[in-house]
Each structure stands twice: as C-alpha cells, then as structure tokens.
N, C-alpha and C. Protein backbone atom coordinates (compact mmCIF):
# COMPACT_ATOMS: atom_id res chain seq x y z
N MET A 1 -28.13 -30.10 -17.26
CA MET A 1 -28.54 -28.69 -17.33
C MET A 1 -27.48 -27.86 -16.91
N SER A 2 -26.91 -26.83 -17.76
CA SER A 2 -26.05 -25.94 -17.22
C SER A 2 -26.65 -24.74 -16.58
N MET A 3 -25.78 -24.49 -15.47
CA MET A 3 -26.01 -23.48 -14.64
C MET A 3 -25.79 -22.01 -15.21
N ASN A 4 -25.31 -21.88 -16.18
CA ASN A 4 -24.89 -20.75 -16.92
C ASN A 4 -26.50 -20.23 -17.70
N PRO A 5 -26.75 -19.04 -17.04
CA PRO A 5 -28.28 -18.55 -17.59
C PRO A 5 -27.96 -17.73 -19.02
N TYR A 6 -26.91 -17.66 -19.38
CA TYR A 6 -26.82 -16.99 -20.80
C TYR A 6 -26.17 -17.99 -21.52
N ASP A 7 -26.27 -17.84 -22.91
CA ASP A 7 -25.55 -18.67 -23.84
C ASP A 7 -24.32 -18.31 -24.23
N ILE A 8 -23.36 -18.60 -23.31
CA ILE A 8 -22.04 -18.16 -23.65
C ILE A 8 -21.22 -19.60 -23.64
N ASP A 9 -20.10 -19.57 -24.59
CA ASP A 9 -19.34 -20.67 -24.36
C ASP A 9 -18.28 -20.26 -23.51
N ILE A 10 -18.31 -20.60 -22.28
CA ILE A 10 -16.92 -20.38 -21.36
C ILE A 10 -15.99 -20.58 -21.77
N LYS A 11 -15.63 -21.58 -22.68
CA LYS A 11 -14.27 -22.09 -23.02
C LYS A 11 -13.52 -21.05 -24.01
N LYS A 12 -14.43 -20.19 -24.45
CA LYS A 12 -13.73 -19.28 -25.35
C LYS A 12 -13.62 -17.81 -24.58
N LEU A 13 -13.83 -17.92 -23.30
CA LEU A 13 -13.58 -16.61 -22.62
C LEU A 13 -11.87 -16.49 -22.22
N LYS A 14 -11.38 -15.24 -22.27
CA LYS A 14 -10.03 -15.03 -22.00
C LYS A 14 -9.96 -15.06 -20.57
N LEU A 15 -8.80 -15.63 -20.29
CA LEU A 15 -8.05 -15.64 -19.06
C LEU A 15 -7.98 -14.29 -18.20
N SER A 16 -8.20 -14.02 -17.17
CA SER A 16 -7.58 -12.77 -16.57
C SER A 16 -6.10 -12.92 -16.43
N LYS A 17 -5.39 -11.69 -16.50
CA LYS A 17 -4.34 -11.68 -16.23
C LYS A 17 -3.79 -11.38 -14.93
N ARG A 18 -2.58 -12.18 -14.46
CA ARG A 18 -2.25 -11.68 -13.19
C ARG A 18 -1.06 -10.57 -13.41
N ILE A 19 -1.65 -9.49 -12.38
CA ILE A 19 -0.45 -8.17 -12.49
C ILE A 19 0.29 -8.56 -11.45
N THR A 20 1.53 -8.41 -11.78
CA THR A 20 2.79 -8.49 -10.74
C THR A 20 3.57 -7.20 -10.79
N ASP A 21 3.74 -6.40 -11.76
CA ASP A 21 4.44 -5.35 -12.00
C ASP A 21 3.91 -4.49 -10.82
N PRO A 22 4.88 -4.04 -9.80
CA PRO A 22 4.48 -2.96 -8.94
C PRO A 22 3.91 -1.85 -9.69
N LYS A 23 4.35 -1.17 -10.66
CA LYS A 23 4.01 0.09 -11.41
C LYS A 23 2.42 -0.28 -11.87
N GLU A 24 2.34 -1.35 -12.63
CA GLU A 24 0.98 -1.50 -12.65
C GLU A 24 -0.24 -1.98 -11.76
N ILE A 25 0.43 -2.35 -10.57
CA ILE A 25 -0.58 -2.56 -9.43
C ILE A 25 -0.75 -1.17 -8.94
N LEU A 26 0.07 0.01 -8.77
CA LEU A 26 -0.25 1.33 -8.46
C LEU A 26 -1.17 1.89 -9.27
N LYS A 27 -1.12 1.77 -10.52
CA LYS A 27 -2.14 2.23 -11.56
C LYS A 27 -3.59 1.75 -11.32
N CYS A 28 -3.48 0.46 -11.15
CA CYS A 28 -4.91 -0.05 -10.69
C CYS A 28 -5.37 0.30 -9.50
N GLN A 29 -4.56 0.49 -8.56
CA GLN A 29 -5.21 1.02 -7.38
C GLN A 29 -5.59 2.46 -7.35
N ILE A 30 -4.78 3.34 -8.07
CA ILE A 30 -5.36 4.97 -8.41
C ILE A 30 -6.74 4.64 -9.09
N ALA A 31 -6.59 4.18 -10.17
CA ALA A 31 -7.92 3.91 -11.04
C ALA A 31 -9.02 3.44 -10.23
N ALA A 32 -8.82 2.49 -9.42
CA ALA A 32 -9.80 1.93 -8.44
C ALA A 32 -10.61 3.09 -7.84
N LYS A 33 -9.70 3.94 -7.18
CA LYS A 33 -10.32 5.19 -6.34
C LYS A 33 -10.93 6.09 -7.41
N ILE A 34 -10.30 6.38 -8.39
CA ILE A 34 -11.15 7.34 -9.46
C ILE A 34 -12.28 6.87 -9.81
N ILE A 35 -12.40 5.39 -9.97
CA ILE A 35 -13.79 4.84 -10.57
C ILE A 35 -14.62 5.14 -9.34
N ASP A 36 -14.30 4.76 -8.01
CA ASP A 36 -15.05 4.96 -6.81
C ASP A 36 -15.93 6.39 -7.05
N ILE A 37 -15.22 7.41 -7.27
CA ILE A 37 -15.51 8.74 -7.15
C ILE A 37 -16.45 9.13 -8.41
N SER A 38 -15.72 8.62 -9.48
CA SER A 38 -16.62 9.02 -10.86
C SER A 38 -18.13 8.36 -10.86
N VAL A 39 -17.94 7.26 -10.30
CA VAL A 39 -19.38 6.59 -10.27
C VAL A 39 -20.36 7.04 -9.46
N ASN A 40 -19.87 7.66 -8.18
CA ASN A 40 -20.69 8.61 -7.29
C ASN A 40 -21.11 9.69 -7.83
N ILE A 41 -20.33 10.69 -8.55
CA ILE A 41 -20.63 11.87 -8.88
C ILE A 41 -21.15 11.87 -10.64
N GLY A 42 -20.93 10.83 -11.13
CA GLY A 42 -21.35 10.91 -12.41
C GLY A 42 -20.39 11.18 -13.52
N THR A 43 -20.93 10.77 -14.67
CA THR A 43 -19.83 11.01 -16.13
C THR A 43 -19.51 12.42 -16.00
N ASP A 44 -20.59 13.34 -16.35
CA ASP A 44 -20.56 14.74 -16.66
C ASP A 44 -19.70 15.44 -15.54
N LYS A 45 -20.00 15.40 -14.47
CA LYS A 45 -19.26 15.87 -13.33
C LYS A 45 -17.74 15.36 -13.29
N THR A 46 -17.52 14.24 -13.65
CA THR A 46 -16.05 13.87 -13.51
C THR A 46 -15.38 14.42 -14.84
N GLN A 47 -15.92 14.50 -15.99
CA GLN A 47 -15.36 14.98 -16.78
C GLN A 47 -15.08 16.52 -16.77
N GLU A 48 -16.04 17.35 -16.11
CA GLU A 48 -16.02 18.63 -15.80
C GLU A 48 -14.90 19.06 -14.92
N LEU A 49 -14.70 18.10 -13.76
CA LEU A 49 -13.77 18.32 -12.95
C LEU A 49 -12.14 18.01 -13.46
N THR A 50 -12.08 16.70 -13.92
CA THR A 50 -10.68 16.44 -14.83
C THR A 50 -10.37 16.52 -16.07
N GLY A 51 -11.49 17.42 -17.01
CA GLY A 51 -11.00 17.51 -18.26
C GLY A 51 -10.93 16.22 -19.28
N LEU A 52 -11.06 15.18 -18.76
CA LEU A 52 -10.85 13.97 -19.61
C LEU A 52 -12.14 13.68 -20.43
N HIS A 53 -11.83 13.09 -21.67
CA HIS A 53 -12.74 13.03 -22.84
C HIS A 53 -13.47 11.80 -22.23
N LYS A 54 -14.52 11.55 -22.90
CA LYS A 54 -15.43 10.43 -22.44
C LYS A 54 -14.74 9.13 -22.86
N ALA A 55 -14.07 9.02 -23.84
CA ALA A 55 -13.26 7.82 -24.35
C ALA A 55 -12.29 7.34 -23.01
N ASP A 56 -11.56 8.24 -22.79
CA ASP A 56 -10.56 8.16 -21.78
C ASP A 56 -11.15 7.81 -20.40
N LEU A 57 -12.47 8.49 -19.87
CA LEU A 57 -12.81 8.09 -18.55
C LEU A 57 -13.43 6.47 -18.97
N SER A 58 -13.76 6.12 -20.06
CA SER A 58 -14.49 4.67 -20.18
C SER A 58 -13.17 3.82 -20.12
N ARG A 59 -12.15 4.33 -20.54
CA ARG A 59 -10.80 3.45 -20.38
C ARG A 59 -10.50 3.18 -19.16
N VAL A 60 -10.42 4.19 -18.05
CA VAL A 60 -10.16 4.09 -16.85
C VAL A 60 -11.03 3.33 -16.18
N ARG A 61 -12.26 3.13 -16.53
CA ARG A 61 -13.56 2.42 -15.92
C ARG A 61 -13.63 1.08 -16.13
N VAL A 62 -12.96 0.91 -17.15
CA VAL A 62 -12.59 -0.76 -17.45
C VAL A 62 -11.21 -1.25 -17.24
N MET A 63 -10.49 -0.51 -16.56
CA MET A 63 -8.88 -0.63 -16.24
C MET A 63 -8.18 -0.84 -17.57
N ASP A 64 -8.52 -0.11 -18.49
CA ASP A 64 -7.57 -0.24 -19.84
C ASP A 64 -6.62 0.94 -19.61
N LEU A 65 -5.50 0.41 -18.78
CA LEU A 65 -4.68 1.73 -18.46
C LEU A 65 -3.45 1.83 -19.05
N LYS A 66 -3.22 1.15 -20.05
CA LYS A 66 -1.95 1.44 -21.04
C LYS A 66 -1.82 2.54 -21.73
N ARG A 67 -2.68 3.55 -21.87
CA ARG A 67 -2.58 4.81 -22.38
C ARG A 67 -2.24 5.80 -21.13
N PHE A 68 -2.14 5.59 -19.82
CA PHE A 68 -2.34 6.55 -18.62
C PHE A 68 -0.86 6.14 -17.89
N THR A 69 -0.39 7.27 -17.75
CA THR A 69 0.96 7.10 -16.67
C THR A 69 0.69 7.20 -15.11
N ILE A 70 1.42 6.77 -14.62
CA ILE A 70 1.09 7.24 -12.95
C ILE A 70 0.69 8.46 -12.67
N ASP A 71 1.52 9.44 -13.11
CA ASP A 71 1.62 10.97 -12.83
C ASP A 71 0.18 11.42 -13.59
N ARG A 72 -0.10 11.03 -14.59
CA ARG A 72 -1.46 11.10 -15.28
C ARG A 72 -2.86 10.91 -14.21
N LEU A 73 -2.66 9.49 -13.61
CA LEU A 73 -3.59 9.12 -12.83
C LEU A 73 -3.69 9.81 -11.53
N ILE A 74 -2.61 10.20 -11.20
CA ILE A 74 -2.56 10.99 -9.91
C ILE A 74 -3.17 12.31 -9.98
N GLY A 75 -2.84 12.83 -11.18
CA GLY A 75 -3.68 14.21 -11.58
C GLY A 75 -4.89 13.91 -11.68
N ILE A 76 -5.52 13.01 -12.16
CA ILE A 76 -6.87 12.98 -12.23
C ILE A 76 -7.52 12.56 -10.78
N ALA A 77 -7.07 11.77 -10.06
CA ALA A 77 -7.37 11.50 -8.97
C ALA A 77 -7.39 12.96 -7.94
N THR A 78 -6.37 13.86 -7.96
CA THR A 78 -6.44 15.02 -7.32
C THR A 78 -7.56 15.91 -7.86
N ASP A 79 -7.66 16.00 -9.11
CA ASP A 79 -8.71 16.84 -9.77
C ASP A 79 -9.86 16.37 -9.14
N LEU A 80 -10.24 15.15 -8.99
CA LEU A 80 -11.54 14.65 -8.16
C LEU A 80 -11.62 15.00 -6.68
N GLY A 81 -10.44 15.59 -6.18
CA GLY A 81 -10.49 16.02 -4.64
C GLY A 81 -9.73 14.70 -3.80
N LEU A 82 -9.17 13.95 -4.25
CA LEU A 82 -8.45 12.76 -3.75
C LEU A 82 -6.98 13.08 -3.18
N GLU A 83 -6.39 12.85 -2.17
CA GLU A 83 -5.09 13.06 -1.67
C GLU A 83 -4.39 11.87 -1.79
N VAL A 84 -3.24 12.07 -2.72
CA VAL A 84 -2.53 10.47 -3.24
C VAL A 84 -1.20 10.84 -2.41
N SER A 85 -1.00 9.61 -1.89
CA SER A 85 0.51 9.38 -1.22
C SER A 85 0.86 8.04 -1.49
N ILE A 86 2.14 8.26 -1.66
CA ILE A 86 2.90 6.75 -2.31
C ILE A 86 4.09 6.52 -1.15
N LYS A 87 3.92 5.34 -0.51
CA LYS A 87 5.13 5.14 0.42
C LYS A 87 6.21 4.01 -0.31
N ILE A 88 7.22 4.64 -0.18
CA ILE A 88 8.52 3.81 -0.76
C ILE A 88 9.15 3.03 0.08
N LYS A 89 9.60 1.83 0.12
CA LYS A 89 10.26 1.26 1.04
C LYS A 89 11.36 0.34 0.49
N SER A 90 12.39 -0.09 1.15
CA SER A 90 13.25 -1.24 0.60
C SER A 90 12.64 -2.57 0.54
N ALA A 91 13.25 -3.14 -0.44
CA ALA A 91 12.54 -4.70 -0.56
C ALA A 91 13.38 -5.41 0.40
C-alpha cells in the first residue's frame, strides 16, 4: 500500500533545481520577503501599494522570477514598506 494519499505518479514529477547563482539567490530572498508581506496584507492591498498586475504578483508568489530584475524586486519590496540593504564582500 502506498503512503501517497493522491493518485500522483511521483516518477513524473520534475526535480527541483539547485540555485547557485548569487544574483538568483538574492532575487529569491527578496521575493520571499515580498511573499511574506503580500500574504499578510492580501492581494488587493499588495496590488494597490505596488502597482503590480495580478499575473505578476502570482509569478512572484510561485517564485517564477525570470521576468523580474533585482532592482524591480527591490522597488516592490520598498513599496511594501520593507527596507532593503545589500552587503557586498570580497570572495
């Protein structure tokens, strides 16, 4: 008997990708903060504060960030009242 309560063939599921690019990691970190705020205040208020279209907000919420630049994500975060600071250090 399977422990899977759904009728899903887990062999057909996509593997998660490992993100190693520092720029992509930064985008994900900023998006995660945006998601935290937007879930708490709701879709309508998030759109009102940021000017995001519903489709773009949905993309952020599912971490589909290829259409977003770092500066755009920072702008969205600041529109939501977050303060963004980036620390740069030598490798």
